[in-house]
Amino acid sequence: MNSLPIGIFDSGVGGLTVMRELRRLLPAEHLIYLGDTARVPYGNKSHATVSRYAQEDVQFLVGRGVKIIVIACNTASAIAAPGLREHFPGVPILGMIGPGSRAAMAATRNGRIGVIATAATIGSGAYETRIRETFAAVGRAPEEIISQACPLFVPLVEEGETDTAITRLVAEKYLAGLRGAGIDALVLGCTHYPLLKSVIASVMGPSVTLVDSAEAAAAETAALLAGRGLLRPASAGRGGERFYVTDAAARFHGIAENFLGHPVDYLELAELGSPVEADGAGQVSG
């Protein structure tokens, strides 16, 4: 069981931010990444469609014998995570919303928190609800939570426009209201957004801490595996990596190698089918 891989999925390249953090924290682990590049972005799809796509993603990874699944997509985490845990009780499933919310509470000093995400994630209210629950658990309440949908950020990242003039113009437009709202922590509520971190930080200024939900989720994944005794021994050597995409493999290959900083040797096209239920037990809230 310890030597089984960690499964990670996203609608495209954004989940690579989670994969990079997992590799940094857990160098001995085998990692399998699925990018549903044929259907990116998920953030402008209906709830029913996102749930169906996410079930197909998980079914693909379950079929490859993973020991845990990280939903490296905030939209899928916000909309589909409860259904995924119901349909696939045999594998722990960790989402992005819980880790990101806990990191936001830890980062803020004045209790004024901003959240940027896809339209679907913002529309779900998942971050605002979870942030308030996280504060309430320690007898506190946030001063204010301000949310902003940034629908063009994902396609910009998917096209490799991570630090260009057009990206800066879009960021200025989306972030103008947040910049004047007195927030001191900004949740990057989409795993694509850390790829725009330099632009977002420049627009928001040094007084605002950027909360990277990818970093938070990777840290909680590592803690969960350690707590359950599921870590692959460090003595086993560096873990392997396999990548699957549903389209545009050449473009993904270039972005992945540039972002991860090492060769991507195993990349295949994946055919996603209809989801089926899995057997077993074991869940984790995200």
Protein backbone atom coordinates (compact mmCIF):
# COMPACT_ATOMS: atom_id res chain seq x y z
CA MET A 1 0.00 0.00 0.00
CA ASN A 2 2.80 2.45 0.88
CA SER A 3 4.33 2.15 -2.58
CA LEU A 4 1.10 2.92 -4.44
CA PRO A 5 1.04 6.30 -6.21
CA ILE A 6 -0.66 9.54 -5.28
CA GLY A 7 -3.29 10.52 -7.85
CA ILE A 8 -3.76 14.17 -8.80
CA PHE A 9 -6.26 15.63 -11.25
CA ASP A 10 -7.17 19.01 -12.66
CA SER A 11 -8.91 20.41 -15.71
CA GLY A 12 -5.57 21.37 -17.23
CA VAL A 13 -2.09 22.51 -16.21
CA GLY A 14 -3.06 24.29 -12.98
CA GLY A 15 -2.80 21.18 -10.86
CA LEU A 16 0.91 21.10 -11.62
CA THR A 17 1.23 23.67 -8.83
CA VAL A 18 0.00 20.99 -6.42
CA MET A 19 2.18 18.32 -8.00
CA ARG A 20 5.29 20.48 -7.66
CA GLU A 21 4.61 21.02 -3.98
CA LEU A 22 3.96 17.32 -3.42
CA ARG A 23 7.22 16.46 -5.12
CA ARG A 24 9.06 18.99 -2.95
CA LEU A 25 7.54 17.65 0.27
CA LEU A 26 7.46 13.95 -0.66
CA PRO A 27 10.37 13.16 -2.99
CA ALA A 28 10.00 9.38 -2.53
CA GLU A 29 6.35 9.22 -3.61
CA HIS A 30 5.14 7.98 -6.98
CA LEU A 31 2.83 10.57 -8.57
CA ILE A 32 0.20 10.21 -11.29
CA TYR A 33 -1.20 13.39 -12.84
CA LEU A 34 -4.34 13.66 -14.98
CA GLY A 35 -5.08 16.89 -16.83
CA ASP A 36 -8.47 16.98 -18.56
CA THR A 37 -7.14 19.36 -21.20
CA ALA A 38 -9.86 18.47 -23.73
CA ARG A 39 -12.51 20.02 -21.46
CA VAL A 40 -10.66 22.85 -19.72
CA PRO A 41 -11.83 25.09 -18.10
CA TYR A 42 -14.21 23.56 -15.58
CA GLY A 43 -14.95 26.97 -14.06
CA ASN A 44 -17.57 27.99 -16.62
CA LYS A 45 -19.41 24.65 -16.70
CA SER A 46 -22.66 23.70 -14.93
CA HIS A 47 -22.55 21.89 -11.60
CA ALA A 48 -23.85 18.70 -13.20
CA THR A 49 -21.16 18.78 -15.87
CA VAL A 50 -18.35 19.44 -13.41
CA SER A 51 -19.55 16.58 -11.21
CA ARG A 52 -19.65 14.21 -14.19
CA TYR A 53 -16.19 15.22 -15.38
CA ALA A 54 -14.76 14.86 -11.88
CA GLN A 55 -16.21 11.37 -11.48
CA GLU A 56 -14.62 10.33 -14.77
CA ASP A 57 -11.29 11.79 -13.62
CA VAL A 58 -11.40 9.90 -10.33
CA GLN A 59 -12.46 6.66 -12.00
CA PHE A 60 -9.42 6.91 -14.28
CA LEU A 61 -7.05 7.36 -11.33
CA VAL A 62 -8.72 4.65 -9.23
CA GLY A 63 -8.15 2.31 -12.14
CA ARG A 64 -4.43 2.95 -11.80
CA GLY A 65 -4.33 1.87 -8.16
CA VAL A 66 -3.70 5.15 -6.36
CA LYS A 67 -3.63 5.28 -2.55
CA ILE A 68 -5.03 8.82 -2.28
CA ILE A 69 -6.53 11.34 -4.70
CA VAL A 70 -5.90 15.07 -4.57
CA ILE A 71 -8.53 17.14 -6.37
CA ALA A 72 -6.09 19.75 -7.68
CA CYS A 73 -8.97 21.85 -8.97
CA ASN A 74 -10.88 24.26 -6.77
CA THR A 75 -13.98 24.17 -8.98
CA ALA A 76 -14.21 20.37 -8.74
CA SER A 77 -13.44 20.57 -5.01
CA ALA A 78 -16.21 23.11 -4.42
CA ILE A 79 -18.86 21.34 -6.50
CA ALA A 80 -18.03 17.65 -6.73
CA ALA A 81 -16.03 16.58 -3.66
CA PRO A 82 -18.95 15.28 -1.52
CA GLY A 83 -20.28 13.20 -4.42
CA LEU A 84 -16.84 11.85 -5.19
CA ARG A 85 -16.38 10.62 -1.64
CA GLU A 86 -19.77 8.93 -1.80
CA HIS A 87 -19.05 7.21 -5.12
CA PHE A 88 -15.45 6.25 -4.29
CA PRO A 89 -15.31 5.35 -0.59
CA GLY A 90 -12.29 3.11 -1.11
CA VAL A 91 -9.74 5.90 -1.49
CA PRO A 92 -9.12 9.04 0.59
CA ILE A 93 -10.00 12.18 -1.41
CA LEU A 94 -8.56 15.55 -0.45
CA GLY A 95 -9.93 18.77 -1.94
CA MET A 96 -8.56 22.31 -2.08
CA ILE A 97 -11.20 24.31 -0.20
CA GLY A 98 -10.45 23.15 3.35
CA PRO A 99 -6.66 23.54 3.15
CA GLY A 100 -6.97 26.94 1.46
CA SER A 101 -9.45 28.20 4.07
CA ARG A 102 -7.28 27.09 6.97
CA ALA A 103 -4.26 28.76 5.40
CA ALA A 104 -6.25 31.97 4.92
CA MET A 105 -7.16 32.13 8.60
CA ALA A 106 -3.52 31.61 9.52
CA ALA A 107 -2.37 34.33 7.12
CA THR A 108 -4.72 37.19 7.94
CA ARG A 109 -3.98 39.76 10.61
CA ASN A 110 -7.01 42.04 10.30
CA GLY A 111 -9.60 39.40 9.39
CA ARG A 112 -10.29 40.89 5.97
CA ILE A 113 -9.80 38.15 3.38
CA GLY A 114 -10.13 38.22 -0.38
CA VAL A 115 -10.86 35.18 -2.54
CA ILE A 116 -10.25 34.98 -6.27
CA ALA A 117 -11.42 31.93 -8.20
CA THR A 118 -13.40 30.74 -11.20
CA ALA A 119 -17.01 31.82 -11.62
CA ALA A 120 -18.22 28.35 -10.58
CA THR A 121 -16.16 28.30 -7.38
CA ILE A 122 -17.22 31.81 -6.41
CA GLY A 123 -20.84 31.03 -7.26
CA SER A 124 -20.79 27.95 -5.03
CA GLY A 125 -19.91 30.04 -1.96
CA ALA A 126 -17.65 27.19 -0.85
CA TYR A 127 -14.70 29.31 0.23
CA GLU A 128 -16.75 31.86 2.13
CA THR A 129 -18.64 29.09 3.94
CA ARG A 130 -15.51 27.11 4.80
CA ILE A 131 -13.54 30.18 5.91
CA ARG A 132 -16.35 31.15 8.29
CA GLU A 133 -16.53 27.58 9.60
CA THR A 134 -12.77 27.54 10.12
CA PHE A 135 -12.89 30.76 12.15
CA ALA A 136 -15.94 29.57 14.11
CA ALA A 137 -14.11 26.39 15.12
CA VAL A 138 -11.71 28.53 17.18
CA GLY A 139 -14.36 30.95 18.45
CA ARG A 140 -13.61 33.74 16.00
CA ALA A 141 -15.20 35.36 12.97
CA PRO A 142 -13.62 37.00 9.92
CA GLU A 143 -14.08 40.74 9.61
CA GLU A 144 -15.04 40.48 5.94
CA ILE A 145 -14.68 38.07 3.02
CA ILE A 146 -14.65 39.60 -0.44
CA SER A 147 -14.85 37.31 -3.46
CA GLN A 148 -14.02 38.02 -7.09
CA ALA A 149 -14.39 35.73 -10.10
CA CYS A 150 -11.47 35.88 -12.55
CA PRO A 151 -12.66 33.78 -15.51
CA LEU A 152 -9.92 34.80 -17.95
CA PHE A 153 -7.04 33.73 -15.71
CA VAL A 154 -7.36 30.01 -16.52
CA PRO A 155 -7.28 30.37 -20.33
CA LEU A 156 -4.36 32.78 -20.03
CA VAL A 157 -2.38 30.21 -18.04
CA GLU A 158 -3.35 27.40 -20.41
CA GLU A 159 -1.97 29.51 -23.29
CA GLY A 160 1.28 30.19 -21.42
CA GLU A 161 0.46 33.89 -20.87
CA THR A 162 1.65 33.93 -17.26
CA ASP A 163 3.62 37.19 -17.13
CA THR A 164 2.73 39.36 -20.10
CA ALA A 165 1.24 42.78 -20.69
CA ILE A 166 -2.21 41.38 -21.45
CA THR A 167 -2.16 39.31 -18.26
CA ARG A 168 -1.30 42.39 -16.23
CA LEU A 169 -4.16 44.36 -17.81
CA VAL A 170 -6.63 41.58 -16.97
CA ALA A 171 -5.27 41.36 -13.41
CA GLU A 172 -5.58 45.10 -12.92
CA LYS A 173 -9.23 44.94 -13.97
CA TYR A 174 -10.16 41.97 -11.80
CA LEU A 175 -8.23 43.03 -8.69
CA ALA A 176 -9.07 46.75 -8.59
CA GLY A 177 -11.92 46.33 -6.12
CA LEU A 178 -9.96 44.01 -3.85
CA ARG A 179 -6.98 46.32 -3.80
CA GLY A 180 -9.06 49.10 -2.28
CA ALA A 181 -10.95 46.91 0.19
CA GLY A 182 -8.32 46.72 2.93
CA ILE A 183 -7.74 42.97 2.71
CA ASP A 184 -4.43 41.62 3.99
CA ALA A 185 -4.79 38.03 2.70
CA LEU A 186 -5.83 36.91 -0.76
CA VAL A 187 -6.73 33.28 -1.43
CA LEU A 188 -5.64 32.05 -4.85
CA GLY A 189 -8.73 29.88 -5.12
CA CYS A 190 -7.78 28.13 -8.35
CA THR A 191 -4.70 25.98 -8.85
CA HIS A 192 -3.94 27.82 -12.08
CA TYR A 193 -3.56 31.13 -10.24
CA PRO A 194 -0.19 30.46 -8.53
CA LEU A 195 1.26 30.48 -12.05
CA LEU A 196 0.24 34.16 -12.10
CA LYS A 197 1.58 34.85 -8.62
CA SER A 198 4.17 37.43 -9.67
CA VAL A 199 1.60 39.50 -11.56
CA ILE A 200 -1.03 39.22 -8.82
CA ALA A 201 1.51 40.14 -6.12
CA SER A 202 2.64 43.15 -8.13
CA VAL A 203 -0.92 44.41 -8.55
CA MET A 204 -1.95 43.81 -4.93
CA GLY A 205 1.21 45.16 -3.30
CA PRO A 206 3.41 43.97 -0.42
CA SER A 207 0.80 44.44 2.33
CA VAL A 208 -1.31 41.55 1.01
CA THR A 209 -0.26 37.94 1.66
CA LEU A 210 -1.09 35.57 -1.19
CA VAL A 211 -2.52 32.30 0.13
CA ASP A 212 -1.58 29.46 -2.20
CA SER A 213 -4.19 26.70 -1.84
CA ALA A 214 -1.86 24.36 -3.74
CA GLU A 215 0.82 24.64 -1.07
CA ALA A 216 -1.74 24.16 1.69
CA ALA A 217 -3.27 21.08 0.05
CA ALA A 218 0.12 19.48 -0.54
CA ALA A 219 1.08 19.98 3.11
CA GLU A 220 -2.19 18.43 4.31
CA THR A 221 -1.76 15.50 1.91
CA ALA A 222 1.69 14.82 3.34
CA ALA A 223 0.34 15.02 6.89
CA LEU A 224 -2.57 12.69 6.09
CA LEU A 225 -0.33 10.04 4.54
CA ALA A 226 2.09 10.25 7.44
CA GLY A 227 -0.75 9.96 9.95
CA ARG A 228 -2.08 6.83 8.26
CA GLY A 229 1.35 5.24 7.85
CA LEU A 230 1.06 5.37 4.06
CA LEU A 231 4.28 7.17 3.16
CA ARG A 232 6.71 5.43 0.85
CA PRO A 233 10.04 5.04 2.69
CA ALA A 234 12.65 7.65 1.83
CA SER A 235 15.15 4.82 1.50
CA ALA A 236 13.21 3.58 -1.55
CA GLY A 237 14.62 6.46 -3.60
CA ARG A 238 12.98 9.16 -5.68
CA GLY A 239 9.48 8.36 -6.81
CA GLY A 240 8.40 8.14 -10.42
CA GLU A 241 5.94 10.35 -12.29
CA ARG A 242 3.32 9.59 -14.92
CA PHE A 243 1.27 12.19 -16.76
CA TYR A 244 -1.98 11.75 -18.65
CA VAL A 245 -3.92 14.36 -20.61
CA THR A 246 -7.10 14.18 -22.67
CA ASP A 247 -5.88 16.52 -25.44
CA ALA A 248 -3.08 18.90 -26.51
CA ALA A 249 -0.28 16.68 -25.22
CA ALA A 250 2.53 18.63 -26.89
CA ARG A 251 1.48 21.94 -25.36
CA PHE A 252 1.03 20.35 -21.94
CA HIS A 253 4.46 18.71 -22.23
CA GLY A 254 6.19 22.04 -22.81
CA ILE A 255 4.39 23.85 -20.01
CA ALA A 256 4.92 20.97 -17.57
CA GLU A 257 8.65 20.68 -18.20
CA ASN A 258 9.11 24.44 -17.92
CA PHE A 259 7.09 24.69 -14.71
CA LEU A 260 8.35 21.57 -12.94
CA GLY A 261 11.96 22.15 -13.98
CA HIS A 262 12.68 18.58 -15.03
CA PRO A 263 11.94 16.32 -18.00
CA VAL A 264 8.49 14.82 -18.43
CA ASP A 265 9.34 11.33 -19.69
CA TYR A 266 5.98 9.56 -19.39
CA LEU A 267 3.01 11.35 -20.99
CA GLU A 268 0.03 9.59 -22.55
CA LEU A 269 -3.36 10.53 -23.92
CA ALA A 270 -6.17 9.35 -21.65
CA GLU A 271 -9.60 8.20 -22.71
CA LEU A 272 -12.11 8.99 -19.98
CA GLY A 273 -15.22 6.83 -19.79
CA SER A 274 -18.37 6.65 -17.71
CA PRO A 275 -17.86 6.67 -13.94
CA VAL A 276 -18.59 3.54 -11.94
CA GLU A 277 -18.67 3.04 -8.21
CA ALA A 278 -15.62 1.74 -6.35
CA ASP A 279 -15.54 -0.56 -3.35
CA GLY A 280 -13.76 -0.21 -0.02
CA ALA A 281 -13.60 2.34 2.77
CA GLY A 282 -11.74 5.46 3.81
CA GLN A 283 -12.50 9.14 3.32
CA VAL A 284 -11.04 12.50 4.25
CA SER A 285 -12.74 15.87 4.18
CA GLY A 286 -11.29 18.56 1.98
